C-alpha atoms as a PDB file:
ATOM      1  CA  UNK A   1      -7.882 -66.424   4.117  1.00  0.00           C
ATOM      2  CA  UNK A   2     -10.514 -65.263   1.701  1.00  0.00           C
ATOM      3  CA  UNK A   3     -11.692 -62.254   2.400  1.00  0.00           C
ATOM      4  CA  UNK A   4     -15.627 -61.371   1.188  1.00  0.00           C
ATOM      5  CA  UNK A   5     -16.607 -57.600   1.417  1.00  0.00           C
ATOM      6  CA  UNK A   6     -20.629 -57.485   0.792  1.00  0.00           C
ATOM      7  CA  UNK A   7     -23.530 -54.240   1.344  1.00  0.00           C
ATOM      8  CA  UNK A   8     -26.702 -53.440   1.975  1.00  0.00           C
ATOM      9  CA  UNK A   9     -29.563 -51.052   1.838  1.00  0.00           C
ATOM     10  CA  UNK A  10     -31.071 -49.783   5.311  1.00  0.00           C
ATOM     11  CA  UNK A  11     -33.421 -52.013   5.480  1.00  0.00           C
ATOM     12  CA  UNK A  12     -30.988 -54.911   5.694  1.00  0.00           C
ATOM     13  CA  UNK A  13     -31.262 -56.481   2.119  1.00  0.00           C
ATOM     14  CA  UNK A  14     -28.249 -56.698   0.385  1.00  0.00           C
ATOM     15  CA  UNK A  15     -27.039 -54.938  -2.707  1.00  0.00           C
ATOM     16  CA  UNK A  16     -23.919 -54.331  -4.561  1.00  0.00           C
ATOM     17  CA  UNK A  17     -21.413 -51.910  -4.208  1.00  0.00           C
ATOM     18  CA  UNK A  18     -22.242 -49.301  -6.421  1.00  0.00           C
ATOM     19  CA  UNK A  19     -25.977 -49.504  -4.906  1.00  0.00           C
ATOM     20  CA  UNK A  20     -24.573 -48.942  -1.482  1.00  0.00           C
ATOM     21  CA  UNK A  21     -21.519 -45.871  -2.257  1.00  0.00           C
ATOM     22  CA  UNK A  22     -24.872 -44.610  -4.398  1.00  0.00           C
ATOM     23  CA  UNK A  23     -27.447 -44.655  -1.601  1.00  0.00           C
ATOM     24  CA  UNK A  24     -27.704 -41.918   1.546  1.00  0.00           C
ATOM     25  CA  UNK A  25     -26.948 -45.151   3.951  1.00  0.00           C
ATOM     26  CA  UNK A  26     -26.146 -48.156   3.886  1.00  0.00           C
ATOM     27  CA  UNK A  27     -23.607 -50.909   5.719  1.00  0.00           C
ATOM     28  CA  UNK A  28     -20.411 -52.811   4.450  1.00  0.00           C
ATOM     29  CA  UNK A  29     -20.093 -56.464   6.068  1.00  0.00           C
ATOM     30  CA  UNK A  30     -16.751 -57.868   6.288  1.00  0.00           C
ATOM     31  CA  UNK A  31     -16.635 -61.416   6.168  1.00  0.00           C
ATOM     32  CA  UNK A  32     -13.572 -63.439   7.086  1.00  0.00           C
ATOM     33  CA  UNK A  33     -13.321 -67.444   6.022  1.00  0.00           C
ATOM     34  CA  UNK A  34     -17.347 -66.785   5.709  1.00  0.00           C
ATOM     35  CA  UNK A  35     -17.779 -65.191   9.331  1.00  0.00           C
ATOM     36  CA  UNK A  36     -18.272 -61.664  10.515  1.00  0.00           C
ATOM     37  CA  UNK A  37     -15.372 -59.249  11.246  1.00  0.00           C
ATOM     38  CA  UNK A  38     -16.243 -55.846  10.713  1.00  0.00           C
ATOM     39  CA  UNK A  39     -20.214 -54.000  10.176  1.00  0.00           C
ATOM     40  CA  UNK A  40     -19.852 -50.476   9.531  1.00  0.00           C
ATOM     41  CA  UNK A  41     -23.117 -48.444   9.309  1.00  0.00           C
ATOM     42  CA  UNK A  42     -22.526 -44.913   6.819  1.00  0.00           C
ATOM     43  CA  UNK A  43     -24.619 -42.369   6.623  1.00  0.00           C
ATOM     44  CA  UNK A  44     -24.126 -39.336   4.201  1.00  0.00           C
ATOM     45  CA  UNK A  45     -20.708 -41.037   3.065  1.00  0.00           C
ATOM     46  CA  UNK A  46     -18.983 -40.458   6.741  1.00  0.00           C
ATOM     47  CA  UNK A  47     -18.656 -44.005   8.686  1.00  0.00           C
ATOM     48  CA  UNK A  48     -21.273 -43.462  11.748  1.00  0.00           C
ATOM     49  CA  UNK A  49     -20.988 -46.833  13.653  1.00  0.00           C
ATOM     50  CA  UNK A  50     -18.766 -49.840  14.081  1.00  0.00           C
ATOM     51  CA  UNK A  51     -19.299 -53.007  15.070  1.00  0.00           C
ATOM     52  CA  UNK A  52     -15.937 -55.321  15.420  1.00  0.00           C
ATOM     53  CA  UNK A  53     -15.964 -58.895  15.754  1.00  0.00           C
ATOM     54  CA  UNK A  54     -12.311 -59.428  18.165  1.00  0.00           C
ATOM     55  CA  UNK A  55     -10.353 -62.616  17.993  1.00  0.00           C
ATOM     56  CA  UNK A  56      -6.775 -61.797  19.559  1.00  0.00           C
ATOM     57  CA  UNK A  57      -6.550 -58.171  19.783  1.00  0.00           C
ATOM     58  CA  UNK A  58      -6.679 -55.575  22.934  1.00  0.00           C
ATOM     59  CA  UNK A  59      -9.374 -53.231  22.900  1.00  0.00           C
ATOM     60  CA  UNK A  60      -7.066 -51.173  22.200  1.00  0.00           C
ATOM     61  CA  UNK A  61      -5.729 -51.674  19.353  1.00  0.00           C
ATOM     62  CA  UNK A  62      -9.416 -51.818  17.950  1.00  0.00           C
ATOM     63  CA  UNK A  63     -10.734 -49.007  18.804  1.00  0.00           C
ATOM     64  CA  UNK A  64      -6.986 -46.968  17.676  1.00  0.00           C
ATOM     65  CA  UNK A  65      -8.701 -48.105  14.011  1.00  0.00           C
ATOM     66  CA  UNK A  66     -11.342 -45.645  14.417  1.00  0.00           C
ATOM     67  CA  UNK A  67     -10.366 -42.797  16.107  1.00  0.00           C
ATOM     68  CA  UNK A  68     -13.140 -40.614  14.655  1.00  0.00           C
ATOM     69  CA  UNK A  69     -15.833 -42.227  16.265  1.00  0.00           C
ATOM     70  CA  UNK A  70     -16.775 -41.834  19.341  1.00  0.00           C
ATOM     71  CA  UNK A  71     -18.298 -44.833  20.184  1.00  0.00           C
ATOM     72  CA  UNK A  72     -17.182 -48.617  18.690  1.00  0.00           C
ATOM     73  CA  UNK A  73     -19.138 -51.928  19.097  1.00  0.00           C
ATOM     74  CA  UNK A  74     -16.856 -54.671  19.281  1.00  0.00           C
ATOM     75  CA  UNK A  75     -18.477 -58.306  19.892  1.00  0.00           C
ATOM     76  CA  UNK A  76     -17.476 -61.254  20.500  1.00  0.00           C
ATOM     77  CA  UNK A  77     -18.724 -65.556  19.757  1.00  0.00           C
ATOM     78  CA  UNK A  78     -18.855 -66.638  23.747  1.00  0.00           C
ATOM     79  CA  UNK A  79     -20.815 -69.876  23.408  1.00  0.00           C
ATOM     80  CA  UNK A  80     -22.763 -72.227  20.906  1.00  0.00           C
ATOM     81  CA  UNK A  81     -24.991 -74.191  21.441  1.00  0.00           C
ATOM     82  CA  UNK A  82     -26.567 -76.389  18.656  1.00  0.00           C
ATOM     83  CA  UNK A  83     -27.403 -73.887  15.922  1.00  0.00           C
ATOM     84  CA  UNK A  84     -27.612 -70.880  17.957  1.00  0.00           C
ATOM     85  CA  UNK A  85     -24.951 -68.985  18.495  1.00  0.00           C
ATOM     86  CA  UNK A  86     -24.496 -66.266  22.142  1.00  0.00           C
ATOM     87  CA  UNK A  87     -22.698 -63.274  21.013  1.00  0.00           C
ATOM     88  CA  UNK A  88     -21.674 -60.308  24.008  1.00  0.00           C
ATOM     89  CA  UNK A  89     -20.518 -56.110  22.484  1.00  0.00           C
ATOM     90  CA  UNK A  90     -19.437 -54.722  24.194  1.00  0.00           C
ATOM     91  CA  UNK A  91     -19.522 -50.641  23.608  1.00  0.00           C
ATOM     92  CA  UNK A  92     -16.851 -48.917  24.957  1.00  0.00           C
ATOM     93  CA  UNK A  93     -16.109 -44.958  24.565  1.00  0.00           C
ATOM     94  CA  UNK A  94     -12.649 -44.207  22.191  1.00  0.00           C
ATOM     95  CA  UNK A  95     -11.009 -42.963  25.338  1.00  0.00           C
ATOM     96  CA  UNK A  96     -12.173 -46.394  26.810  1.00  0.00           C
ATOM     97  CA  UNK A  97     -14.691 -45.589  28.977  1.00  0.00           C
ATOM     98  CA  UNK A  98     -17.251 -49.288  28.716  1.00  0.00           C
ATOM     99  CA  UNK A  99     -20.926 -47.587  27.760  1.00  0.00           C
ATOM    100  CA  UNK A 100     -23.218 -51.305  27.709  1.00  0.00           C
ATOM    101  CA  UNK A 101     -22.585 -54.987  27.451  1.00  0.00           C
ATOM    102  CA  UNK A 102     -25.088 -56.914  25.940  1.00  0.00           C
ATOM    103  CA  UNK A 103     -26.002 -59.854  24.548  1.00  0.00           C
ATOM    104  CA  UNK A 104     -27.162 -61.423  20.883  1.00  0.00           C
ATOM    105  CA  UNK A 105     -28.415 -65.212  20.804  1.00  0.00           C
ATOM    106  CA  UNK A 106     -29.125 -65.713  17.645  1.00  0.00           C
ATOM    107  CA  UNK A 107     -29.692 -69.189  15.119  1.00  0.00           C
ATOM    108  CA  UNK A 108     -26.804 -69.471  13.043  1.00  0.00           C
ATOM    109  CA  UNK A 109     -28.275 -70.671   9.347  1.00  0.00           C
ATOM    110  CA  UNK A 110     -31.163 -67.988   9.181  1.00  0.00           C
ATOM    111  CA  UNK A 111     -29.454 -65.548  11.206  1.00  0.00           C
ATOM    112  CA  UNK A 112     -32.782 -64.592  13.685  1.00  0.00           C
ATOM    113  CA  UNK A 113     -32.558 -63.602  16.815  1.00  0.00           C
ATOM    114  CA  UNK A 114     -34.537 -65.072  19.774  1.00  0.00           C
ATOM    115  CA  UNK A 115     -33.234 -62.814  22.942  1.00  0.00           C
ATOM    116  CA  UNK A 116     -31.050 -60.199  23.593  1.00  0.00           C
ATOM    117  CA  UNK A 117     -30.575 -57.270  26.281  1.00  0.00           C
ATOM    118  CA  UNK A 118     -28.502 -56.496  28.351  1.00  0.00           C
ATOM    119  CA  UNK A 119     -25.792 -56.744  31.352  1.00  0.00           C
ATOM    120  CA  UNK A 120     -25.517 -54.408  34.823  1.00  0.00           C
ATOM    121  CA  UNK A 121     -22.078 -52.882  33.969  1.00  0.00           C
ATOM    122  CA  UNK A 122     -21.188 -52.896  37.514  1.00  0.00           C
ATOM    123  CA  UNK A 123     -22.480 -56.505  38.850  1.00  0.00           C
ATOM    124  CA  UNK A 124     -22.526 -58.134  35.533  1.00  0.00           C
ATOM    125  CA  UNK A 125     -25.675 -60.066  35.901  1.00  0.00           C
ATOM    126  CA  UNK A 126     -28.281 -59.463  33.352  1.00  0.00           C
ATOM    127  CA  UNK A 127     -30.842 -56.914  33.585  1.00  0.00           C
ATOM    128  CA  UNK A 128     -33.384 -59.039  33.468  1.00  0.00           C
ATOM    129  CA  UNK A 129     -36.029 -55.979  31.788  1.00  0.00           C
ATOM    130  CA  UNK A 130     -34.003 -55.331  29.528  1.00  0.00           C
ATOM    131  CA  UNK A 131     -34.206 -59.207  27.423  1.00  0.00           C
ATOM    132  CA  UNK A 132     -36.715 -59.260  24.951  1.00  0.00           C
ATOM    133  CA  UNK A 133     -37.617 -62.480  23.333  1.00  0.00           C
ATOM    134  CA  UNK A 134     -39.283 -63.798  19.625  1.00  0.00           C
ATOM    135  CA  UNK A 135     -40.293 -66.935  19.027  1.00  0.00           C
ATOM    136  CA  UNK A 136     -40.766 -67.100  14.593  1.00  0.00           C
ATOM    137  CA  UNK A 137     -42.338 -69.910  12.584  1.00  0.00           C
ATOM    138  CA  UNK A 138     -41.725 -71.969  10.203  1.00  0.00           C
ATOM    139  CA  UNK A 139     -40.995 -69.720   7.697  1.00  0.00           C
ATOM    140  CA  UNK A 140     -38.909 -67.230  10.593  1.00  0.00           C
ATOM    141  CA  UNK A 141     -41.546 -64.076  10.035  1.00  0.00           C
ATOM    142  CA  UNK A 142     -41.866 -63.029  14.327  1.00  0.00           C
ATOM    143  CA  UNK A 143     -44.905 -65.314  15.602  1.00  0.00           C
ATOM    144  CA  UNK A 144     -44.486 -63.353  19.402  1.00  0.00           C
ATOM    145  CA  UNK A 145     -42.310 -61.173  20.741  1.00  0.00           C
ATOM    146  CA  UNK A 146     -42.090 -61.644  24.726  1.00  0.00           C
ATOM    147  CA  UNK A 147     -40.774 -59.563  27.478  1.00  0.00           C
ATOM    148  CA  UNK A 148     -39.772 -59.194  30.979  1.00  0.00           C
ATOM    149  CA  UNK A 149     -39.834 -57.771  34.206  1.00  0.00           C
ATOM    150  CA  UNK A 150     -37.135 -57.224  36.571  1.00  0.00           C
ATOM    151  CA  UNK A 151     -37.996 -60.859  38.408  1.00  0.00           C
ATOM    152  CA  UNK A 152     -37.451 -62.248  34.889  1.00  0.00           C
ATOM    153  CA  UNK A 153     -41.639 -63.146  34.353  1.00  0.00           C
ATOM    154  CA  UNK A 154     -42.531 -61.773  31.164  1.00  0.00           C
ATOM    155  CA  UNK A 155     -44.533 -59.338  31.696  1.00  0.00           C
ATOM    156  CA  UNK A 156     -46.300 -58.431  27.544  1.00  0.00           C
ATOM    157  CA  UNK A 157     -46.592 -60.553  25.213  1.00  0.00           C
ATOM    158  CA  UNK A 158     -46.855 -59.096  21.494  1.00  0.00           C
ATOM    159  CA  UNK A 159     -49.204 -60.821  18.124  1.00  0.00           C
ATOM    160  CA  UNK A 160     -46.616 -60.547  15.145  1.00  0.00           C
ATOM    161  CA  UNK A 161     -47.430 -62.254  11.779  1.00  0.00           C
ATOM    162  CA  UNK A 162     -45.811 -66.318  12.079  1.00  0.00           C
ATOM    163  CA  UNK A 163     -48.174 -68.506  12.714  1.00  0.00           C
ATOM    164  CA  UNK A 164     -46.914 -71.390  15.120  1.00  0.00           C
ATOM    165  CA  UNK A 165     -43.971 -72.872  16.296  1.00  0.00           C
ATOM    166  CA  UNK A 166     -40.952 -73.342  14.399  1.00  0.00           C
ATOM    167  CA  UNK A 167     -37.990 -73.285  17.169  1.00  0.00           C
ATOM    168  CA  UNK A 168     -35.992 -76.721  17.837  1.00  0.00           C
ATOM    169  CA  UNK A 169     -36.636 -76.258  21.816  1.00  0.00           C
ATOM    170  CA  UNK A 170     -39.306 -76.565  24.200  1.00  0.00           C
ATOM    171  CA  UNK A 171     -41.802 -72.955  24.364  1.00  0.00           C
ATOM    172  CA  UNK A 172     -41.401 -73.470  28.632  1.00  0.00           C
ATOM    173  CA  UNK A 173     -37.748 -71.583  26.729  1.00  0.00           C
ATOM    174  CA  UNK A 174     -40.122 -68.019  27.238  1.00  0.00           C
ATOM    175  CA  UNK A 175     -41.219 -68.009  30.310  1.00  0.00           C
ATOM    176  CA  UNK A 176     -38.740 -66.872  32.084  1.00  0.00           C
ATOM    177  CA  UNK A 177     -36.110 -64.383  30.962  1.00  0.00           C
ATOM    178  CA  UNK A 178     -33.284 -67.155  32.134  1.00  0.00           C
ATOM    179  CA  UNK A 179     -31.983 -69.107  31.095  1.00  0.00           C
ATOM    180  CA  UNK A 180     -31.146 -67.192  27.400  1.00  0.00           C
ATOM    181  CA  UNK A 181     -29.569 -69.637  25.894  1.00  0.00           C
ATOM    182  CA  UNK A 182     -32.689 -72.797  24.846  1.00  0.00           C
ATOM    183  CA  UNK A 183     -32.273 -76.138  25.289  1.00  0.00           C
ATOM    184  CA  UNK A 184     -31.901 -78.077  23.355  1.00  0.00           C
ATOM    185  CA  UNK A 185     -33.365 -81.434  23.112  1.00  0.00           C
ATOM    186  CA  UNK A 186     -31.790 -83.782  22.180  1.00  0.00           C
ATOM    187  CA  UNK A 187     -34.392 -85.679  20.180  1.00  0.00           C
ATOM    188  CA  UNK A 188     -33.969 -83.561  17.291  1.00  0.00           C
ATOM    189  CA  UNK A 189     -35.025 -83.403  13.979  1.00  0.00           C
ATOM    190  CA  UNK A 190     -33.666 -80.062  13.555  1.00  0.00           C
END
């Protein structure tokens, strides 16, 4: 089992450990066997946020590792479809109370998010008016960002700097908030 520790600045750019520790804001990333296990955000040398990728640990075990933080994000990789992975993120208060349950879908190779939003804490259903989908061009620049109303229909399209569309699925994916994961075409060349 290999463990790699890396650092990013506040702009998510890779930096050395020395550069990170000399700055006021940075992120420490701990990867095990090539997958992110823990992301720790620091401000003025104090850990202010953590995202812990849960495998077999209980929620209580994870919360106990960070007794000084009021809120802790626990993420779980739940589904893979084609080159896309769905992560579910639950934010817990240190007393164990669930405060937020969200999702993020990103391209495995580029790390670019194509869809994110939140679940209703009472029902577990997707809050369609929290869904945001992003369309990228061939250079991974944002072409368009889509926002949806409570019925799951597009109500705002924001234009980005990118041009065109380069995903390995149909553009119709962006017409509605659901489905969250795109349907990958079988004859895709990607």
